């Protein structure tokens, strides 16, 4: 019997190396932090994708009594000479270091959820945005503007995403996730989409008005287009 056990938050490259040994059973312990890199559903899907597809996966509060000789182990996987850990990835995201987080995860950090109604102010200046509601426990990166890829019905669209408050339109601390998509003009309300974070562009800024916001977003769009993120 080959057993893998751990919290597996993020299912990062270290976890992936363990799962590549094709365990028979994967015991998944509860997270140790309030906010997580992966929800339960995301975690289970990633475990299956990275080698646990044939394994029996069990969510447990604590490990059952098992023989230590059955537990799989691997050499420490490192990034820039330090062990890859969930905590390092969380710290990178909270610092806006998206490329660093992706390097340790082995895939783009992705936000998933339902498209919800916003105040629809962007469309008044020709800049309609997609507003995403994620799970409460999902860790959000540093507030800022990001180059992103949104996946809708399996199709990938380049975009610019603001994560944080909206100081130009109100003084509320409410955090929103708003994406302006390139070459996209469909309504998505009520649909579930995926948002891959690819790069940090700039901090959240208060502008004089929405026209000034639109001008800056146009610059952001040109910047991400030049990066060939798709």
C-alpha atoms as a PDB file:
ATOM      1  CA  UNK A   1       0.000   0.000   0.000  1.00  0.00           C
ATOM      2  CA  UNK A   2       1.417   3.375  -1.070  1.00  0.00           C
ATOM      3  CA  UNK A   3       0.066   6.302   0.948  1.00  0.00           C
ATOM      4  CA  UNK A   4       0.421  10.055   0.438  1.00  0.00           C
ATOM      5  CA  UNK A   5      -0.740  12.396   3.169  1.00  0.00           C
ATOM      6  CA  UNK A   6      -0.785  16.114   3.817  1.00  0.00           C
ATOM      7  CA  UNK A   7      -2.822  19.294   3.590  1.00  0.00           C
ATOM      8  CA  UNK A   8      -2.023  19.646  -0.128  1.00  0.00           C
ATOM      9  CA  UNK A   9      -3.062  23.306  -0.206  1.00  0.00           C
ATOM     10  CA  UNK A  10      -2.196  24.593  -3.654  1.00  0.00           C
ATOM     11  CA  UNK A  11      -1.063  21.142  -4.863  1.00  0.00           C
ATOM     12  CA  UNK A  12       2.243  22.829  -5.710  1.00  0.00           C
ATOM     13  CA  UNK A  13       5.278  21.312  -7.444  1.00  0.00           C
ATOM     14  CA  UNK A  14       6.385  19.602  -4.236  1.00  0.00           C
ATOM     15  CA  UNK A  15       2.992  17.926  -3.889  1.00  0.00           C
ATOM     16  CA  UNK A  16       3.047  17.074  -7.585  1.00  0.00           C
ATOM     17  CA  UNK A  17       6.372  15.257  -7.201  1.00  0.00           C
ATOM     18  CA  UNK A  18       4.827  13.168  -4.432  1.00  0.00           C
ATOM     19  CA  UNK A  19       1.678  12.426  -6.429  1.00  0.00           C
ATOM     20  CA  UNK A  20       3.762  11.379  -9.435  1.00  0.00           C
ATOM     21  CA  UNK A  21       4.647   8.254  -7.455  1.00  0.00           C
ATOM     22  CA  UNK A  22       1.050   7.087  -8.017  1.00  0.00           C
ATOM     23  CA  UNK A  23      -0.177   6.516  -4.441  1.00  0.00           C
ATOM     24  CA  UNK A  24      -2.982   4.073  -3.732  1.00  0.00           C
ATOM     25  CA  UNK A  25      -4.487   6.324  -1.051  1.00  0.00           C
ATOM     26  CA  UNK A  26      -4.241  10.077  -0.540  1.00  0.00           C
ATOM     27  CA  UNK A  27      -5.195  11.370   2.900  1.00  0.00           C
ATOM     28  CA  UNK A  28      -6.034  15.074   2.799  1.00  0.00           C
ATOM     29  CA  UNK A  29      -5.881  16.964   6.085  1.00  0.00           C
ATOM     30  CA  UNK A  30      -7.788  20.226   6.762  1.00  0.00           C
ATOM     31  CA  UNK A  31      -6.055  23.560   6.021  1.00  0.00           C
ATOM     32  CA  UNK A  32      -4.097  25.330   8.728  1.00  0.00           C
ATOM     33  CA  UNK A  33      -4.991  28.859   7.639  1.00  0.00           C
ATOM     34  CA  UNK A  34      -8.196  30.853   7.217  1.00  0.00           C
ATOM     35  CA  UNK A  35      -7.505  31.580   3.563  1.00  0.00           C
ATOM     36  CA  UNK A  36      -6.357  28.890   1.155  1.00  0.00           C
ATOM     37  CA  UNK A  37      -4.726  28.586  -2.240  1.00  0.00           C
ATOM     38  CA  UNK A  38      -7.223  25.930  -3.302  1.00  0.00           C
ATOM     39  CA  UNK A  39     -10.785  25.200  -2.263  1.00  0.00           C
ATOM     40  CA  UNK A  40     -11.665  21.574  -1.545  1.00  0.00           C
ATOM     41  CA  UNK A  41     -13.057  21.043  -5.048  1.00  0.00           C
ATOM     42  CA  UNK A  42     -10.014  22.651  -6.671  1.00  0.00           C
ATOM     43  CA  UNK A  43      -7.678  20.598  -4.513  1.00  0.00           C
ATOM     44  CA  UNK A  44      -9.337  17.287  -5.346  1.00  0.00           C
ATOM     45  CA  UNK A  45      -9.318  18.088  -9.064  1.00  0.00           C
ATOM     46  CA  UNK A  46      -5.611  18.968  -8.962  1.00  0.00           C
ATOM     47  CA  UNK A  47      -4.716  15.854  -6.966  1.00  0.00           C
ATOM     48  CA  UNK A  48      -6.409  13.727  -9.614  1.00  0.00           C
ATOM     49  CA  UNK A  49      -4.777  15.673 -12.440  1.00  0.00           C
ATOM     50  CA  UNK A  50      -1.261  15.354 -11.033  1.00  0.00           C
ATOM     51  CA  UNK A  51      -1.133  11.622 -10.403  1.00  0.00           C
ATOM     52  CA  UNK A  52      -3.884  10.714  -7.994  1.00  0.00           C
ATOM     53  CA  UNK A  53      -6.514   9.815 -10.574  1.00  0.00           C
ATOM     54  CA  UNK A  54      -6.429   6.135  -9.623  1.00  0.00           C
ATOM     55  CA  UNK A  55      -6.030   6.738  -5.900  1.00  0.00           C
ATOM     56  CA  UNK A  56      -8.605   6.574  -3.163  1.00  0.00           C
ATOM     57  CA  UNK A  57      -8.797  10.157  -1.881  1.00  0.00           C
ATOM     58  CA  UNK A  58     -10.057  10.716   1.651  1.00  0.00           C
ATOM     59  CA  UNK A  59     -10.663  13.978   3.487  1.00  0.00           C
ATOM     60  CA  UNK A  60      -9.721  13.372   7.121  1.00  0.00           C
ATOM     61  CA  UNK A  61      -9.512  15.485  10.276  1.00  0.00           C
ATOM     62  CA  UNK A  62      -6.457  13.534  11.424  1.00  0.00           C
ATOM     63  CA  UNK A  63      -4.399  10.707  10.036  1.00  0.00           C
ATOM     64  CA  UNK A  64      -5.611   7.185  10.777  1.00  0.00           C
ATOM     65  CA  UNK A  65      -3.168   4.690  12.222  1.00  0.00           C
ATOM     66  CA  UNK A  66      -0.986   3.657   9.320  1.00  0.00           C
ATOM     67  CA  UNK A  67       2.331   1.907   8.953  1.00  0.00           C
ATOM     68  CA  UNK A  68       5.098   4.464   8.478  1.00  0.00           C
ATOM     69  CA  UNK A  69       6.723   2.243   5.866  1.00  0.00           C
ATOM     70  CA  UNK A  70       3.660   2.742   3.637  1.00  0.00           C
ATOM     71  CA  UNK A  71       3.990   6.526   3.565  1.00  0.00           C
ATOM     72  CA  UNK A  72       5.585   7.921   0.416  1.00  0.00           C
ATOM     73  CA  UNK A  73       8.378  10.469   0.734  1.00  0.00           C
ATOM     74  CA  UNK A  74      10.425  12.514  -1.716  1.00  0.00           C
ATOM     75  CA  UNK A  75      13.449  14.777  -1.722  1.00  0.00           C
ATOM     76  CA  UNK A  76      12.626  18.405  -0.971  1.00  0.00           C
ATOM     77  CA  UNK A  77      11.627  20.375  -4.059  1.00  0.00           C
ATOM     78  CA  UNK A  78      13.204  23.830  -4.086  1.00  0.00           C
ATOM     79  CA  UNK A  79      12.781  27.175  -5.761  1.00  0.00           C
ATOM     80  CA  UNK A  80      15.746  29.562  -5.651  1.00  0.00           C
ATOM     81  CA  UNK A  81      17.505  27.323  -3.132  1.00  0.00           C
ATOM     82  CA  UNK A  82      14.645  27.291  -0.609  1.00  0.00           C
ATOM     83  CA  UNK A  83      11.993  24.585  -0.077  1.00  0.00           C
ATOM     84  CA  UNK A  84       8.716  25.158  -1.884  1.00  0.00           C
ATOM     85  CA  UNK A  85       5.945  25.528   0.673  1.00  0.00           C
ATOM     86  CA  UNK A  86       2.365  26.709   0.714  1.00  0.00           C
ATOM     87  CA  UNK A  87       3.445  29.549   2.998  1.00  0.00           C
ATOM     88  CA  UNK A  88       6.033  30.802   0.486  1.00  0.00           C
ATOM     89  CA  UNK A  89       3.436  30.776  -2.274  1.00  0.00           C
ATOM     90  CA  UNK A  90       0.945  32.655  -0.116  1.00  0.00           C
ATOM     91  CA  UNK A  91       3.601  35.248   0.725  1.00  0.00           C
ATOM     92  CA  UNK A  92       4.447  35.691  -2.960  1.00  0.00           C
ATOM     93  CA  UNK A  93       0.796  36.267  -3.848  1.00  0.00           C
ATOM     94  CA  UNK A  94       0.312  38.745  -1.023  1.00  0.00           C
ATOM     95  CA  UNK A  95       3.358  40.633  -2.329  1.00  0.00           C
ATOM     96  CA  UNK A  96       1.978  40.663  -5.880  1.00  0.00           C
ATOM     97  CA  UNK A  97       4.779  38.361  -7.074  1.00  0.00           C
ATOM     98  CA  UNK A  98       2.546  36.414  -9.439  1.00  0.00           C
ATOM     99  CA  UNK A  99       5.280  34.908 -11.596  1.00  0.00           C
ATOM    100  CA  UNK A 100       7.084  33.620  -8.493  1.00  0.00           C
ATOM    101  CA  UNK A 101       3.892  32.008  -7.216  1.00  0.00           C
ATOM    102  CA  UNK A 102       3.272  30.382 -10.602  1.00  0.00           C
ATOM    103  CA  UNK A 103       6.816  29.005 -10.703  1.00  0.00           C
ATOM    104  CA  UNK A 104       6.309  27.286  -7.343  1.00  0.00           C
ATOM    105  CA  UNK A 105       2.775  26.119  -8.098  1.00  0.00           C
ATOM    106  CA  UNK A 106       3.645  24.762 -11.517  1.00  0.00           C
ATOM    107  CA  UNK A 107       0.525  26.374 -12.994  1.00  0.00           C
ATOM    108  CA  UNK A 108      -1.098  29.845 -12.987  1.00  0.00           C
ATOM    109  CA  UNK A 109      -2.805  30.879  -9.760  1.00  0.00           C
ATOM    110  CA  UNK A 110      -6.482  30.779 -10.647  1.00  0.00           C
ATOM    111  CA  UNK A 111      -9.583  32.388  -9.193  1.00  0.00           C
ATOM    112  CA  UNK A 112     -12.878  30.646  -9.910  1.00  0.00           C
ATOM    113  CA  UNK A 113     -16.412  31.665  -9.227  1.00  0.00           C
ATOM    114  CA  UNK A 114     -19.669  33.126 -10.452  1.00  0.00           C
ATOM    115  CA  UNK A 115     -20.071  36.268 -12.515  1.00  0.00           C
ATOM    116  CA  UNK A 116     -22.197  38.700 -10.501  1.00  0.00           C
ATOM    117  CA  UNK A 117     -23.761  42.091 -11.115  1.00  0.00           C
ATOM    118  CA  UNK A 118     -21.717  45.158 -10.293  1.00  0.00           C
ATOM    119  CA  UNK A 119     -22.698  48.810 -10.509  1.00  0.00           C
ATOM    120  CA  UNK A 120     -22.184  48.722 -14.288  1.00  0.00           C
ATOM    121  CA  UNK A 121     -20.306  52.020 -14.233  1.00  0.00           C
ATOM    122  CA  UNK A 122     -17.576  50.852 -16.594  1.00  0.00           C
ATOM    123  CA  UNK A 123     -19.943  50.448 -19.493  1.00  0.00           C
ATOM    124  CA  UNK A 124     -20.836  54.153 -19.270  1.00  0.00           C
ATOM    125  CA  UNK A 125     -17.356  54.889 -20.643  1.00  0.00           C
ATOM    126  CA  UNK A 126     -17.188  51.921 -23.017  1.00  0.00           C
ATOM    127  CA  UNK A 127     -15.374  49.694 -20.544  1.00  0.00           C
ATOM    128  CA  UNK A 128     -17.750  46.905 -19.408  1.00  0.00           C
ATOM    129  CA  UNK A 129     -16.231  44.608 -16.817  1.00  0.00           C
ATOM    130  CA  UNK A 130     -16.850  41.076 -15.583  1.00  0.00           C
ATOM    131  CA  UNK A 131     -17.318  40.954 -11.802  1.00  0.00           C
ATOM    132  CA  UNK A 132     -16.233  37.695 -10.175  1.00  0.00           C
ATOM    133  CA  UNK A 133     -17.384  36.334  -6.801  1.00  0.00           C
ATOM    134  CA  UNK A 134     -14.983  33.742  -5.394  1.00  0.00           C
ATOM    135  CA  UNK A 135     -15.246  31.439  -2.382  1.00  0.00           C
ATOM    136  CA  UNK A 136     -14.802  33.310   0.904  1.00  0.00           C
ATOM    137  CA  UNK A 137     -11.831  31.138   1.895  1.00  0.00           C
ATOM    138  CA  UNK A 138      -9.930  31.699  -1.359  1.00  0.00           C
ATOM    139  CA  UNK A 139      -6.745  33.730  -0.890  1.00  0.00           C
ATOM    140  CA  UNK A 140      -6.679  36.887  -2.989  1.00  0.00           C
ATOM    141  CA  UNK A 141      -3.369  38.428  -4.058  1.00  0.00           C
ATOM    142  CA  UNK A 142      -2.157  41.913  -3.214  1.00  0.00           C
ATOM    143  CA  UNK A 143      -4.540  44.656  -4.244  1.00  0.00           C
ATOM    144  CA  UNK A 144      -3.620  45.869  -7.680  1.00  0.00           C
ATOM    145  CA  UNK A 145      -4.158  45.610 -11.415  1.00  0.00           C
ATOM    146  CA  UNK A 146      -3.139  42.392 -13.140  1.00  0.00           C
ATOM    147  CA  UNK A 147      -2.703  40.939 -16.583  1.00  0.00           C
ATOM    148  CA  UNK A 148      -5.008  37.925 -16.661  1.00  0.00           C
ATOM    149  CA  UNK A 149      -6.513  35.208 -18.804  1.00  0.00           C
ATOM    150  CA  UNK A 150     -10.215  34.462 -18.374  1.00  0.00           C
ATOM    151  CA  UNK A 151     -11.519  31.065 -19.437  1.00  0.00           C
ATOM    152  CA  UNK A 152     -15.123  31.007 -20.647  1.00  0.00           C
ATOM    153  CA  UNK A 153     -16.543  27.766 -22.033  1.00  0.00           C
ATOM    154  CA  UNK A 154     -13.020  26.517 -22.676  1.00  0.00           C
ATOM    155  CA  UNK A 155     -11.960  29.631 -24.621  1.00  0.00           C
ATOM    156  CA  UNK A 156      -9.167  31.851 -23.262  1.00  0.00           C
ATOM    157  CA  UNK A 157      -9.468  35.643 -23.336  1.00  0.00           C
ATOM    158  CA  UNK A 158      -6.794  38.172 -22.453  1.00  0.00           C
ATOM    159  CA  UNK A 159      -7.820  40.789 -19.930  1.00  0.00           C
ATOM    160  CA  UNK A 160      -6.908  43.372 -17.327  1.00  0.00           C
ATOM    161  CA  UNK A 161      -8.187  42.715 -13.807  1.00  0.00           C
ATOM    162  CA  UNK A 162      -8.524  45.033 -10.825  1.00  0.00           C
ATOM    163  CA  UNK A 163      -8.494  43.334  -7.420  1.00  0.00           C
ATOM    164  CA  UNK A 164      -9.217  45.606  -4.492  1.00  0.00           C
ATOM    165  CA  UNK A 165     -11.302  48.665  -3.597  1.00  0.00           C
ATOM    166  CA  UNK A 166     -12.511  51.227  -6.156  1.00  0.00           C
ATOM    167  CA  UNK A 167     -11.353  54.612  -4.835  1.00  0.00           C
ATOM    168  CA  UNK A 168     -12.404  56.480  -7.975  1.00  0.00           C
ATOM    169  CA  UNK A 169     -16.097  55.657  -7.482  1.00  0.00           C
ATOM    170  CA  UNK A 170     -16.427  55.293  -3.697  1.00  0.00           C
ATOM    171  CA  UNK A 171     -14.486  55.274  -0.431  1.00  0.00           C
ATOM    172  CA  UNK A 172     -15.628  51.817   0.652  1.00  0.00           C
ATOM    173  CA  UNK A 173     -13.117  49.121   1.655  1.00  0.00           C
ATOM    174  CA  UNK A 174     -15.064  46.497  -0.307  1.00  0.00           C
ATOM    175  CA  UNK A 175     -12.786  44.308  -2.425  1.00  0.00           C
ATOM    176  CA  UNK A 176     -13.992  43.575  -5.936  1.00  0.00           C
ATOM    177  CA  UNK A 177     -12.563  41.473  -8.757  1.00  0.00           C
ATOM    178  CA  UNK A 178     -13.329  43.254 -12.027  1.00  0.00           C
ATOM    179  CA  UNK A 179     -11.966  42.240 -15.419  1.00  0.00           C
ATOM    180  CA  UNK A 180     -12.013  44.101 -18.712  1.00  0.00           C
ATOM    181  CA  UNK A 181     -11.847  41.445 -21.430  1.00  0.00           C
ATOM    182  CA  UNK A 182     -10.366  42.011 -24.868  1.00  0.00           C
ATOM    183  CA  UNK A 183     -12.466  41.056 -27.890  1.00  0.00           C
ATOM    184  CA  UNK A 184     -15.416  39.935 -25.788  1.00  0.00           C
ATOM    185  CA  UNK A 185     -18.953  41.326 -25.712  1.00  0.00           C
ATOM    186  CA  UNK A 186     -21.170  38.615 -24.179  1.00  0.00           C
ATOM    187  CA  UNK A 187     -23.190  38.776 -20.971  1.00  0.00           C
ATOM    188  CA  UNK A 188     -21.913  36.257 -18.402  1.00  0.00           C
ATOM    189  CA  UNK A 189     -24.075  36.904 -15.353  1.00  0.00           C
ATOM    190  CA  UNK A 190     -24.669  33.712 -13.374  1.00  0.00           C
ATOM    191  CA  UNK A 191     -22.010  31.746 -15.244  1.00  0.00           C
ATOM    192  CA  UNK A 192     -18.940  30.223 -13.607  1.00  0.00           C
ATOM    193  CA  UNK A 193     -15.584  31.192 -15.062  1.00  0.00           C
ATOM    194  CA  UNK A 194     -11.876  30.815 -14.297  1.00  0.00           C
ATOM    195  CA  UNK A 195      -9.427  33.706 -14.012  1.00  0.00           C
ATOM    196  CA  UNK A 196      -5.700  32.970 -14.349  1.00  0.00           C
ATOM    197  CA  UNK A 197      -3.432  35.608 -12.816  1.00  0.00           C
ATOM    198  CA  UNK A 198      -0.390  36.072 -15.044  1.00  0.00           C
ATOM    199  CA  UNK A 199       1.354  39.296 -14.014  1.00  0.00           C
ATOM    200  CA  UNK A 200       1.141  42.298 -11.696  1.00  0.00           C
ATOM    201  CA  UNK A 201       0.866  45.593 -13.552  1.00  0.00           C
ATOM    202  CA  UNK A 202       0.390  48.409 -11.034  1.00  0.00           C
ATOM    203  CA  UNK A 203      -1.242  49.376  -7.722  1.00  0.00           C
ATOM    204  CA  UNK A 204      -4.843  50.502  -7.325  1.00  0.00           C
ATOM    205  CA  UNK A 205      -5.004  54.243  -8.024  1.00  0.00           C
ATOM    206  CA  UNK A 206      -7.635  56.923  -7.459  1.00  0.00           C
ATOM    207  CA  UNK A 207      -8.356  58.843 -10.667  1.00  0.00           C
ATOM    208  CA  UNK A 208     -10.255  62.067 -11.242  1.00  0.00           C
ATOM    209  CA  UNK A 209     -13.094  60.331 -13.083  1.00  0.00           C
ATOM    210  CA  UNK A 210     -14.064  57.202 -15.018  1.00  0.00           C
ATOM    211  CA  UNK A 211     -12.764  58.655 -18.285  1.00  0.00           C
ATOM    212  CA  UNK A 212      -9.303  58.822 -16.700  1.00  0.00           C
ATOM    213  CA  UNK A 213      -9.712  55.228 -15.535  1.00  0.00           C
ATOM    214  CA  UNK A 214     -10.585  54.179 -19.077  1.00  0.00           C
ATOM    215  CA  UNK A 215      -7.504  55.926 -20.469  1.00  0.00           C
ATOM    216  CA  UNK A 216      -5.257  54.142 -17.970  1.00  0.00           C
ATOM    217  CA  UNK A 217      -6.882  50.769 -18.656  1.00  0.00           C
ATOM    218  CA  UNK A 218      -6.219  51.319 -22.371  1.00  0.00           C
ATOM    219  CA  UNK A 219      -2.534  51.682 -21.460  1.00  0.00           C
ATOM    220  CA  UNK A 220      -2.736  48.541 -19.321  1.00  0.00           C
ATOM    221  CA  UNK A 221      -4.254  46.650 -22.257  1.00  0.00           C
ATOM    222  CA  UNK A 222      -1.434  47.692 -24.581  1.00  0.00           C
ATOM    223  CA  UNK A 223       1.076  46.612 -21.945  1.00  0.00           C
ATOM    224  CA  UNK A 224      -0.361  43.110 -21.461  1.00  0.00           C
ATOM    225  CA  UNK A 225      -0.836  42.615 -25.203  1.00  0.00           C
ATOM    226  CA  UNK A 226       2.890  43.212 -25.663  1.00  0.00           C
ATOM    227  CA  UNK A 227       3.647  40.477 -23.113  1.00  0.00           C
ATOM    228  CA  UNK A 228       2.072  37.703 -25.239  1.00  0.00           C
ATOM    229  CA  UNK A 229       0.347  36.114 -22.245  1.00  0.00           C
ATOM    230  CA  UNK A 230      -2.007  33.961 -24.309  1.00  0.00           C
END
